[in-house]
Amino acid sequence: MATAKVLRVPHPVRSVPLDLASSDERSFRFLIEYWQDKHRGGKLPGRKAIDPVELKPVLPQLILIDVEREPLDFRYRLAGTLTYDIFGFDLTGRRVRDIPPPDWGDTVWRSLAELVETRQPQYVRLDFTTEEGNVRSYRVLRLPLAEDGVTVDCVLVMGDFGLHPHEFRADLDAAFGRKK
């Protein structure tokens, strides 16, 4: 009797909106207040207004994503050192949808497209489930940047991965069938 082949379908990634005002994480509060302080005359701050020296305490957690138009797409401009520990590779220069698995990249892409349209910050929890059935989550803060003060051309991102980065990476690898 032949054994039936089991098809493993990656668990979907869910993006759950959170209340920005309820963030109790000090690093998120720091970045939100920094971004708000950079607003001039009701306009969004541009990438040039963001000074890495002023963000030194949170630099390892930060990501800058460029917004490309016609067609709309998103490319990692810069990724803090912690992101390498989490994903196992450098995000810099990659398109958001190129980050495996496809469900992950598509979920992030859709959220970024919404941010570009609304020009509003996003504070979300991304959830996924490991093959062992363990639910893992991390919070992400996304802040729109616009050199002209209106048209979003870059997104400043900070992630809080909760677990030690190497544990989180192991869970990502296990959830999406990546080899360690």
Protein backbone atom coordinates (compact mmCIF):
# COMPACT_ATOMS: atom_id res chain seq x y z
CA MET A 1 0.00 0.00 0.00
CA ALA A 2 1.42 3.39 -1.01
CA THR A 3 1.83 6.03 1.66
CA ALA A 4 -0.09 9.23 1.01
CA LYS A 5 2.10 12.29 0.57
CA VAL A 6 1.28 15.06 3.02
CA LEU A 7 1.38 18.56 1.58
CA ARG A 8 2.55 21.11 4.13
CA VAL A 9 1.02 24.51 3.59
CA PRO A 10 2.81 27.39 5.35
CA HIS A 11 0.71 28.95 8.08
CA PRO A 12 -0.63 32.34 7.04
CA VAL A 13 0.81 35.51 8.48
CA ARG A 14 -1.75 37.80 10.07
CA SER A 15 -1.41 41.54 10.55
CA VAL A 16 -3.48 42.81 13.49
CA PRO A 17 -3.82 46.61 13.94
CA LEU A 18 -2.98 47.90 17.43
CA ASP A 19 -3.76 51.20 19.13
CA LEU A 20 -0.72 53.44 18.69
CA ALA A 21 -1.54 55.37 21.86
CA SER A 22 -1.48 52.14 23.88
CA SER A 23 2.13 51.27 23.07
CA ASP A 24 3.98 50.81 26.35
CA GLU A 25 7.27 49.78 24.75
CA ARG A 26 9.87 52.48 25.52
CA SER A 27 11.65 52.16 22.17
CA PHE A 28 8.36 52.56 20.26
CA ARG A 29 7.39 55.59 22.37
CA PHE A 30 10.84 57.08 21.73
CA LEU A 31 10.51 56.65 17.95
CA ILE A 32 6.90 57.90 17.80
CA GLU A 33 7.82 61.05 19.75
CA TYR A 34 10.94 61.57 17.61
CA TRP A 35 8.87 61.29 14.40
CA GLN A 36 6.19 63.64 15.75
CA ASP A 37 8.88 66.20 16.70
CA LYS A 38 10.13 66.18 13.09
CA HIS A 39 6.74 67.32 11.69
CA ARG A 40 6.86 70.87 10.37
CA GLY A 41 3.71 72.81 9.58
CA GLY A 42 1.51 69.71 9.59
CA LYS A 43 3.61 68.00 6.92
CA LEU A 44 5.26 64.60 7.11
CA PRO A 45 8.98 64.62 7.86
CA GLY A 46 11.34 63.57 5.09
CA ARG A 47 14.10 60.97 5.25
CA LYS A 48 16.70 63.75 5.40
CA ALA A 49 15.14 64.97 8.68
CA ILE A 50 15.95 61.62 10.31
CA ASP A 51 19.37 61.78 11.99
CA PRO A 52 20.94 58.39 12.83
CA VAL A 53 22.94 59.98 15.65
CA GLU A 54 19.68 60.97 17.35
CA LEU A 55 18.38 57.40 16.94
CA LYS A 56 21.46 55.59 18.23
CA PRO A 57 19.60 53.74 21.05
CA VAL A 58 17.27 52.04 18.54
CA LEU A 59 19.38 51.81 15.36
CA PRO A 60 19.73 47.99 15.43
CA GLN A 61 15.93 47.68 15.29
CA LEU A 62 15.34 50.20 12.49
CA ILE A 63 14.55 49.62 8.84
CA LEU A 64 14.11 52.16 6.05
CA ILE A 65 11.98 51.07 3.11
CA ASP A 66 11.91 53.09 -0.11
CA VAL A 67 8.61 53.52 -1.93
CA GLU A 68 8.87 52.92 -5.68
CA ARG A 69 6.10 54.08 -7.99
CA GLU A 70 4.76 52.93 -11.37
CA PRO A 71 4.32 50.20 -10.40
CA LEU A 72 4.02 50.57 -6.66
CA ASP A 73 6.65 48.54 -4.85
CA PHE A 74 8.83 48.65 -1.75
CA ARG A 75 12.57 48.08 -1.40
CA TYR A 76 14.65 47.84 1.77
CA ARG A 77 17.05 50.80 1.78
CA LEU A 78 18.64 50.07 5.14
CA ALA A 79 18.19 47.39 7.78
CA GLY A 80 19.55 47.50 11.32
CA THR A 81 21.85 44.76 12.56
CA LEU A 82 19.11 43.06 14.57
CA THR A 83 17.19 42.30 11.38
CA TYR A 84 20.07 40.15 10.13
CA ASP A 85 19.91 38.15 13.36
CA ILE A 86 16.17 37.67 12.83
CA PHE A 87 16.00 36.89 9.11
CA GLY A 88 19.43 35.34 8.62
CA PHE A 89 20.31 37.53 5.65
CA ASP A 90 20.71 41.20 4.80
CA LEU A 91 17.44 42.82 3.73
CA THR A 92 19.18 45.82 2.12
CA GLY A 93 18.34 46.19 -1.58
CA ARG A 94 15.65 43.48 -1.59
CA ARG A 95 12.03 44.04 -2.48
CA VAL A 96 9.54 43.38 0.31
CA ARG A 97 7.85 40.61 -1.69
CA ASP A 98 11.23 38.88 -2.15
CA ILE A 99 11.39 38.01 1.55
CA PRO A 100 10.32 34.39 2.07
CA PRO A 101 7.82 32.96 2.47
CA PRO A 102 5.55 34.64 -0.10
CA ASP A 103 2.72 35.07 2.42
CA TRP A 104 5.04 37.08 4.66
CA GLY A 105 6.14 39.44 1.90
CA ASP A 106 2.59 39.84 0.56
CA THR A 107 1.21 40.69 4.01
CA VAL A 108 3.87 43.35 4.58
CA TRP A 109 3.45 44.70 1.02
CA ARG A 110 -0.31 45.18 1.48
CA SER A 111 0.23 47.01 4.78
CA LEU A 112 2.82 49.31 3.21
CA ALA A 113 0.51 50.06 0.27
CA GLU A 114 -2.19 51.08 2.76
CA LEU A 115 0.29 53.30 4.63
CA VAL A 116 1.28 55.06 1.39
CA GLU A 117 -2.38 55.73 0.62
CA THR A 118 -3.44 56.90 4.10
CA ARG A 119 -0.14 58.61 5.05
CA GLN A 120 -0.83 57.45 8.61
CA PRO A 121 1.47 55.55 11.00
CA GLN A 122 0.82 51.85 11.51
CA TYR A 123 1.27 49.96 14.73
CA VAL A 124 0.53 46.27 14.15
CA ARG A 125 1.14 42.83 15.53
CA LEU A 126 2.28 40.23 13.00
CA ASP A 127 1.34 36.67 13.97
CA PHE A 128 2.47 33.35 12.58
CA THR A 129 2.29 29.75 13.78
CA THR A 130 5.21 27.34 13.95
CA GLU A 131 4.89 23.76 12.70
CA GLU A 132 4.65 22.74 16.35
CA GLY A 133 1.54 24.89 16.66
CA ASN A 134 3.16 27.67 18.71
CA VAL A 135 1.85 31.12 17.90
CA ARG A 136 4.58 33.74 17.62
CA SER A 137 4.01 37.45 17.37
CA TYR A 138 5.96 40.61 17.06
CA ARG A 139 4.97 44.24 17.00
CA VAL A 140 5.90 46.62 14.23
CA LEU A 141 5.75 50.40 14.06
CA ARG A 142 5.73 51.94 10.56
CA LEU A 143 6.07 55.70 10.11
CA PRO A 144 5.59 57.46 6.75
CA LEU A 145 8.27 59.86 5.49
CA ALA A 146 7.88 62.34 2.62
CA GLU A 147 10.58 64.69 1.32
CA ASP A 148 7.89 67.00 -0.06
CA GLY A 149 5.88 66.67 3.16
CA VAL A 150 2.96 65.00 1.35
CA THR A 151 3.90 62.10 -0.97
CA VAL A 152 5.18 59.12 1.04
CA ASP A 153 8.52 58.08 -0.46
CA CYS A 154 10.05 56.18 2.45
CA VAL A 155 8.88 54.28 5.53
CA LEU A 156 10.70 54.18 8.86
CA VAL A 157 10.09 50.82 10.53
CA MET A 158 10.86 49.42 13.97
CA GLY A 159 10.21 45.86 15.07
CA ASP A 160 9.99 44.35 18.54
CA PHE A 161 10.64 40.65 18.22
CA GLY A 162 9.97 39.82 21.87
CA LEU A 163 12.17 36.72 22.06
CA HIS A 164 15.93 36.71 21.81
CA PRO A 165 16.62 37.28 18.07
CA HIS A 166 18.12 33.83 17.52
CA GLU A 167 15.10 32.12 19.13
CA PHE A 168 12.76 34.18 16.97
CA ARG A 169 14.74 33.31 13.84
CA ALA A 170 14.57 29.61 14.72
CA ASP A 171 10.78 29.92 15.04
CA LEU A 172 10.56 31.68 11.65
CA ASP A 173 12.71 28.97 10.06
CA ALA A 174 10.57 26.24 11.59
CA ALA A 175 7.29 27.91 10.65
CA PHE A 176 8.20 28.30 7.02
CA GLY A 177 10.33 25.22 6.43
CA ARG A 178 13.65 27.02 6.04
CA LYS A 179 16.83 25.14 6.82
CA LYS A 180 18.90 26.45 9.71
